[in-house]
Amino acid sequence: MALSFSAAAKAEVCRGIPQNHCCALAQCFGILLFCNSFSSDSIKIITESRDFAYILPKLFKKAFDLTFDCFPSLAAPGKLVFQITDPIKIGEIMEAFGFSSEDTLSLHINLPVVEDDCCKGAFLRGAFLAGGSVTDPGKGYHLELATTHFAVSRECNVLMQDVLGFYPKTAARGGGQVLYLKQSDQIADFLTYLGAPVASMGILEARLEKELNNKVNRRCNCDDANISKVVEAAQEQLSAIRILQEKGLLETLPAKLKQAADAREKNPAASLSELAAMMDPAITKPAMNNRMKKLVQMAKEAAK
């Protein structure tokens, strides 16, 4: 089964485990603050990404030297659930981030954990893996990071401004907070920063394809409009010529106008440029347009 665009982007991000302990700690911090549950009672991480599920135990082992109390088989269908319920393990994890399982009321991004640039990137990779998603660019442009912690959302917003130079928009959803990007260039830059250049290129290619299609559609619409104008003008000119014939005025026209009328009658679908080239001697398109206008005007006067 083919991976979704979001799953493929996460698979790219999962290609490597941080080599430095500080980065492994920061990536786990991002995972925990954007996962399904991180409290003094339990830790629960639910994912559909097999790539993320594969590296998750290794990340926790490197960061905390701990294992999950409950973890699924990667061969299991559907969503995969990882849990830690041992209060001692949870206490050690919280302590690693400067929290206390006894008196921490709300979680936030502890700045020393993401002080270095490498750790900031690791943190955002973890946030995307646990709470992020990105829409297939063929359907639209939308990348989001969802967390249940208000302070984390606000502080992550500032962090993204610091490392990427733009603020994501925010929204409340189901008791949680969502940071999201809607601009294709920002989504592409963010995916590149996370280590997913192929997904980033997919965003840019989709944008270029849409721009090209829009340009082609505009050109086709413009061409259709021009063709309609040409047809309408030709019909008006032919109608004018018939009126002049009925009134017996066609044969009395000056030679230049008579030549123009004859050319239009014999070539009802020709453009003004093509008619102008048929004149003897050939004339310009504006000159041909003037002759046709005179024929139309004479017909209107004759019909009164």
Protein backbone atom coordinates (compact mmCIF):
# COMPACT_ATOMS: atom_id res chain seq x y z
CA MET A 1 0.00 0.00 0.00
CA ALA A 2 1.42 3.37 -1.00
CA LEU A 3 2.28 5.80 1.76
CA SER A 4 0.31 9.00 2.11
CA PHE A 5 2.21 12.23 1.50
CA SER A 6 2.31 12.90 5.26
CA ALA A 7 3.54 9.38 6.04
CA ALA A 8 6.23 9.66 3.36
CA ALA A 9 7.41 12.96 4.84
CA LYS A 10 7.63 11.38 8.30
CA ALA A 11 9.53 8.42 6.85
CA GLU A 12 12.13 10.88 5.52
CA VAL A 13 12.43 12.56 8.92
CA CYS A 14 12.95 9.15 10.55
CA ARG A 15 15.96 8.22 8.44
CA GLY A 16 18.43 8.96 11.19
CA ILE A 17 18.56 8.91 14.97
CA PRO A 18 20.35 11.85 16.63
CA GLN A 19 23.98 11.04 17.38
CA ASN A 20 24.28 13.44 20.32
CA HIS A 21 22.53 12.74 23.60
CA CYS A 22 21.31 16.35 23.82
CA CYS A 23 19.60 16.06 20.44
CA ALA A 24 18.01 12.71 21.30
CA LEU A 25 16.69 14.33 24.48
CA ALA A 26 15.35 17.33 22.54
CA GLN A 27 13.66 15.11 19.94
CA CYS A 28 11.99 13.07 22.68
CA PHE A 29 10.92 16.35 24.30
CA GLY A 30 9.19 17.38 21.08
CA ILE A 31 7.55 13.94 20.84
CA LEU A 32 6.26 14.03 24.41
CA LEU A 33 4.90 17.58 24.29
CA PHE A 34 3.02 16.84 21.03
CA CYS A 35 1.98 13.23 21.69
CA ASN A 36 -1.39 11.96 22.88
CA SER A 37 -0.65 12.01 26.60
CA PHE A 38 2.29 13.16 28.74
CA SER A 39 1.47 13.51 32.44
CA SER A 40 2.58 12.29 35.83
CA ASP A 41 0.15 9.38 35.45
CA SER A 42 1.08 8.03 32.05
CA ILE A 43 2.77 8.55 28.73
CA LYS A 44 0.90 7.44 25.64
CA ILE A 45 2.16 7.85 22.06
CA ILE A 46 -0.13 6.72 19.23
CA THR A 47 1.06 6.67 15.64
CA GLU A 48 0.23 5.16 12.28
CA SER A 49 3.79 5.67 11.01
CA ARG A 50 5.76 2.41 11.00
CA ASP A 51 8.96 4.37 10.45
CA PHE A 52 8.33 6.49 13.53
CA ALA A 53 7.34 3.41 15.54
CA TYR A 54 10.61 1.75 14.53
CA ILE A 55 12.88 4.52 15.82
CA LEU A 56 10.80 5.53 18.87
CA PRO A 57 12.13 2.84 21.28
CA LYS A 58 15.68 3.60 20.14
CA LEU A 59 15.20 7.32 20.81
CA PHE A 60 13.92 6.69 24.34
CA LYS A 61 16.75 4.25 25.01
CA LYS A 62 19.34 6.79 23.90
CA ALA A 63 17.74 9.74 25.70
CA PHE A 64 16.68 8.11 28.98
CA ASP A 65 18.07 4.56 28.91
CA LEU A 66 14.46 3.41 29.39
CA THR A 67 12.07 1.06 27.60
CA PHE A 68 8.34 1.33 27.07
CA ASP A 69 6.06 -0.64 29.40
CA CYS A 70 3.73 -1.40 26.51
CA PHE A 71 4.65 -1.40 22.86
CA PRO A 72 3.11 -2.93 19.74
CA SER A 73 4.36 -5.17 16.99
CA LEU A 74 5.26 -3.23 13.86
CA ALA A 75 3.38 -5.89 11.91
CA ALA A 76 0.14 -5.05 13.73
CA PRO A 77 -2.49 -3.31 11.56
CA GLY A 78 -3.88 0.13 12.28
CA LYS A 79 -2.61 2.54 14.89
CA LEU A 80 0.36 1.63 17.08
CA VAL A 81 0.29 2.50 20.80
CA PHE A 82 3.35 2.98 23.04
CA GLN A 83 2.86 3.47 26.77
CA ILE A 84 4.82 4.10 29.95
CA THR A 85 2.89 3.75 33.21
CA ASP A 86 5.70 3.05 35.68
CA PRO A 87 5.79 6.14 37.96
CA ILE A 88 9.54 5.79 38.46
CA LYS A 89 10.20 5.92 34.71
CA ILE A 90 7.82 8.85 34.28
CA GLY A 91 9.54 10.67 37.15
CA GLU A 92 12.96 10.19 35.53
CA ILE A 93 11.67 11.48 32.18
CA MET A 94 10.08 14.54 33.73
CA GLU A 95 13.20 15.26 35.75
CA ALA A 96 15.29 15.14 32.57
CA PHE A 97 13.24 18.10 31.31
CA GLY A 98 13.23 20.04 34.57
CA PHE A 99 9.73 19.01 35.64
CA SER A 100 8.48 17.35 38.79
CA SER A 101 5.82 14.65 38.59
CA GLU A 102 4.46 15.84 41.96
CA ASP A 103 4.00 19.59 41.50
CA THR A 104 4.06 20.35 37.73
CA LEU A 105 0.70 21.91 36.84
CA SER A 106 1.31 22.67 33.18
CA LEU A 107 3.98 21.66 30.72
CA HIS A 108 6.05 24.09 28.65
CA ILE A 109 9.18 24.09 26.51
CA ASN A 110 12.12 24.16 28.89
CA LEU A 111 14.50 26.45 26.98
CA PRO A 112 17.81 24.85 28.13
CA VAL A 113 16.74 21.64 26.39
CA VAL A 114 16.50 23.46 23.04
CA GLU A 115 19.29 25.98 23.56
CA ASP A 116 21.58 24.76 20.76
CA ASP A 117 20.56 25.03 17.10
CA CYS A 118 20.91 21.28 16.58
CA CYS A 119 18.54 20.64 19.50
CA LYS A 120 15.97 23.10 18.16
CA GLY A 121 15.82 21.13 14.92
CA ALA A 122 15.61 17.84 16.83
CA PHE A 123 12.76 19.19 18.97
CA LEU A 124 10.73 20.26 15.93
CA ARG A 125 11.35 16.90 14.25
CA GLY A 126 9.94 15.18 17.31
CA ALA A 127 6.94 17.53 17.38
CA PHE A 128 6.19 16.80 13.72
CA LEU A 129 6.54 13.03 14.14
CA ALA A 130 4.20 12.89 17.14
CA GLY A 131 1.69 15.66 16.48
CA GLY A 132 2.22 16.76 12.90
CA SER A 133 0.65 16.15 9.53
CA VAL A 134 0.96 17.63 6.06
CA THR A 135 -1.67 17.56 3.32
CA ASP A 136 -0.95 16.11 -0.11
CA PRO A 137 0.01 19.23 -2.13
CA GLY A 138 -2.14 18.01 -5.00
CA LYS A 139 -5.16 18.70 -2.78
CA GLY A 140 -3.98 21.79 -0.93
CA TYR A 141 -1.29 23.34 1.24
CA HIS A 142 -1.60 22.65 4.96
CA LEU A 143 0.93 21.55 7.58
CA GLU A 144 0.06 21.45 11.26
CA LEU A 145 1.43 20.57 14.69
CA ALA A 146 -1.15 19.69 17.33
CA THR A 147 -0.61 19.69 21.11
CA THR A 148 -2.82 19.59 24.18
CA HIS A 149 -0.63 22.14 25.98
CA PHE A 150 -1.40 25.83 25.43
CA ALA A 151 1.97 27.08 26.69
CA VAL A 152 3.79 24.62 24.42
CA SER A 153 1.87 25.90 21.40
CA ARG A 154 2.73 29.51 22.19
CA GLU A 155 6.40 28.78 22.86
CA CYS A 156 6.77 26.56 19.78
CA ASN A 157 5.38 29.43 17.73
CA VAL A 158 8.22 31.63 18.98
CA LEU A 159 10.75 28.83 18.39
CA MET A 160 9.69 28.47 14.75
CA GLN A 161 10.04 32.23 14.31
CA ASP A 162 13.55 31.98 15.75
CA VAL A 163 14.78 29.17 13.48
CA LEU A 164 12.73 29.73 10.32
CA GLY A 165 11.77 33.40 10.33
CA PHE A 166 8.00 32.98 10.17
CA TYR A 167 5.14 32.53 12.61
CA PRO A 168 2.61 29.76 12.03
CA LYS A 169 -1.05 30.55 12.57
CA THR A 170 -2.85 29.12 15.60
CA ALA A 171 -6.25 27.61 16.24
CA ALA A 172 -8.06 25.79 19.06
CA ARG A 173 -9.33 22.29 18.30
CA GLY A 174 -11.01 19.83 20.63
CA GLY A 175 -9.45 21.23 23.78
CA GLY A 176 -6.00 21.39 22.18
CA GLN A 177 -3.93 23.89 20.20
CA VAL A 178 -2.91 23.67 16.56
CA LEU A 179 -0.06 25.50 14.86
CA TYR A 180 -0.45 25.50 11.09
CA LEU A 181 1.11 26.76 7.87
CA LYS A 182 -0.84 27.47 4.67
CA GLN A 183 1.82 28.97 2.40
CA SER A 184 3.51 26.46 0.13
CA ASP A 185 6.96 28.07 0.39
CA GLN A 186 6.84 28.04 4.20
CA ILE A 187 5.74 24.39 4.27
CA ALA A 188 8.55 23.49 1.86
CA ASP A 189 11.12 25.36 3.98
CA PHE A 190 9.89 23.67 7.16
CA LEU A 191 10.06 20.18 5.64
CA THR A 192 13.57 20.87 4.35
CA TYR A 193 14.59 22.03 7.84
CA LEU A 194 13.18 18.83 9.35
CA GLY A 195 15.20 16.69 6.94
CA ALA A 196 12.54 15.84 4.36
CA PRO A 197 13.86 17.39 1.12
CA VAL A 198 11.95 15.00 -1.16
CA ALA A 199 8.64 15.97 0.43
CA SER A 200 9.70 19.62 0.21
CA MET A 201 10.40 19.21 -3.50
CA GLY A 202 6.97 17.63 -3.88
CA ILE A 203 5.39 20.80 -2.48
CA LEU A 204 7.32 23.00 -4.91
CA GLU A 205 6.59 20.76 -7.90
CA ALA A 206 2.87 20.76 -7.08
CA ARG A 207 2.87 24.56 -6.84
CA LEU A 208 4.65 24.92 -10.19
CA GLU A 209 2.23 22.48 -11.82
CA LYS A 210 -0.77 24.42 -10.47
CA GLU A 211 0.70 27.71 -11.65
CA LEU A 212 1.34 26.23 -15.11
CA ASN A 213 -2.19 24.82 -15.32
CA ASN A 214 -3.66 28.14 -14.26
CA LYS A 215 -1.58 29.93 -16.88
CA VAL A 216 -2.72 27.50 -19.58
CA ASN A 217 -6.35 27.88 -18.50
CA ARG A 218 -6.10 31.66 -18.58
CA ARG A 219 -4.52 31.50 -22.03
CA CYS A 220 -7.24 29.15 -23.29
CA ASN A 221 -9.97 31.36 -21.85
CA CYS A 222 -8.35 34.38 -23.46
CA ASP A 223 -8.07 32.59 -26.80
CA ASP A 224 -11.72 31.51 -26.58
CA ALA A 225 -12.76 35.08 -25.83
CA ASN A 226 -10.73 36.38 -28.78
CA ILE A 227 -12.21 33.77 -31.12
CA SER A 228 -15.71 34.75 -29.99
CA LYS A 229 -14.96 38.41 -30.70
CA VAL A 230 -13.62 37.56 -34.17
CA VAL A 231 -16.71 35.47 -34.98
CA GLU A 232 -19.08 38.18 -33.74
CA ALA A 233 -17.26 40.86 -35.74
CA ALA A 234 -17.29 38.73 -38.89
CA GLN A 235 -21.03 38.07 -38.53
CA GLU A 236 -21.69 41.81 -38.13
CA GLN A 237 -19.62 42.55 -41.25
CA LEU A 238 -21.39 39.88 -43.33
CA SER A 239 -24.75 41.19 -42.19
CA ALA A 240 -23.72 44.71 -43.22
CA ILE A 241 -22.64 43.48 -46.65
CA ARG A 242 -26.01 41.73 -47.17
CA ILE A 243 -27.85 44.95 -46.29
CA LEU A 244 -25.76 46.91 -48.77
CA GLN A 245 -26.51 44.26 -51.42
CA GLU A 246 -30.26 44.42 -50.72
CA LYS A 247 -30.20 48.21 -50.95
CA GLY A 248 -28.28 48.07 -54.25
CA LEU A 249 -25.38 49.98 -52.76
CA LEU A 250 -22.68 47.33 -52.86
CA GLU A 251 -21.77 47.93 -56.50
CA THR A 252 -21.56 51.69 -55.94
CA LEU A 253 -18.93 51.42 -53.21
CA PRO A 254 -15.44 52.85 -53.73
CA ALA A 255 -13.03 50.24 -55.10
CA LYS A 256 -11.22 49.74 -51.79
CA LEU A 257 -14.44 49.11 -49.84
CA LYS A 258 -15.80 46.86 -52.60
CA GLN A 259 -12.59 44.82 -52.52
CA ALA A 260 -12.88 44.48 -48.73
CA ALA A 261 -16.52 43.42 -48.94
CA ASP A 262 -15.78 40.81 -51.61
CA ALA A 263 -12.92 39.37 -49.54
CA ARG A 264 -15.11 39.06 -46.46
CA GLU A 265 -17.94 37.38 -48.38
CA LYS A 266 -15.59 34.81 -49.85
CA ASN A 267 -13.71 34.25 -46.55
CA PRO A 268 -16.27 34.48 -43.71
CA ALA A 269 -13.95 32.82 -41.15
CA ALA A 270 -10.79 34.80 -41.99
CA SER A 271 -9.23 37.18 -39.45
CA LEU A 272 -8.64 40.84 -40.19
CA SER A 273 -4.93 40.13 -40.64
CA GLU A 274 -5.69 37.45 -43.20
CA LEU A 275 -8.14 39.73 -45.06
CA ALA A 276 -5.59 42.56 -45.03
CA ALA A 277 -3.07 40.29 -46.77
CA MET A 278 -5.63 39.53 -49.52
CA MET A 279 -5.96 43.18 -50.56
CA ASP A 280 -4.21 44.37 -53.71
CA PRO A 281 -1.95 45.88 -52.66
CA ALA A 282 -1.81 44.33 -49.19
CA ILE A 283 -2.69 46.64 -46.32
CA THR A 284 -2.25 46.65 -42.54
CA LYS A 285 -4.68 45.11 -40.07
CA PRO A 286 -5.75 48.56 -38.71
CA ALA A 287 -6.44 49.73 -42.27
CA MET A 288 -8.57 46.64 -42.90
CA ASN A 289 -10.41 47.24 -39.65
CA ASN A 290 -11.21 50.80 -40.76
CA ARG A 291 -12.66 49.54 -44.07
CA MET A 292 -14.89 47.07 -42.25
CA LYS A 293 -16.09 49.74 -39.84
CA LYS A 294 -17.03 51.94 -42.78
CA LEU A 295 -19.04 49.09 -44.34
CA VAL A 296 -20.89 48.49 -41.04
CA GLN A 297 -21.59 52.19 -40.60
CA MET A 298 -22.87 52.56 -44.19
CA ALA A 299 -25.18 49.57 -43.68
CA LYS A 300 -26.61 51.07 -40.46
CA GLU A 301 -27.34 54.35 -42.29
CA ALA A 302 -28.89 52.53 -45.25
CA ALA A 303 -31.15 50.49 -42.94
CA LYS A 304 -32.71 53.62 -41.33
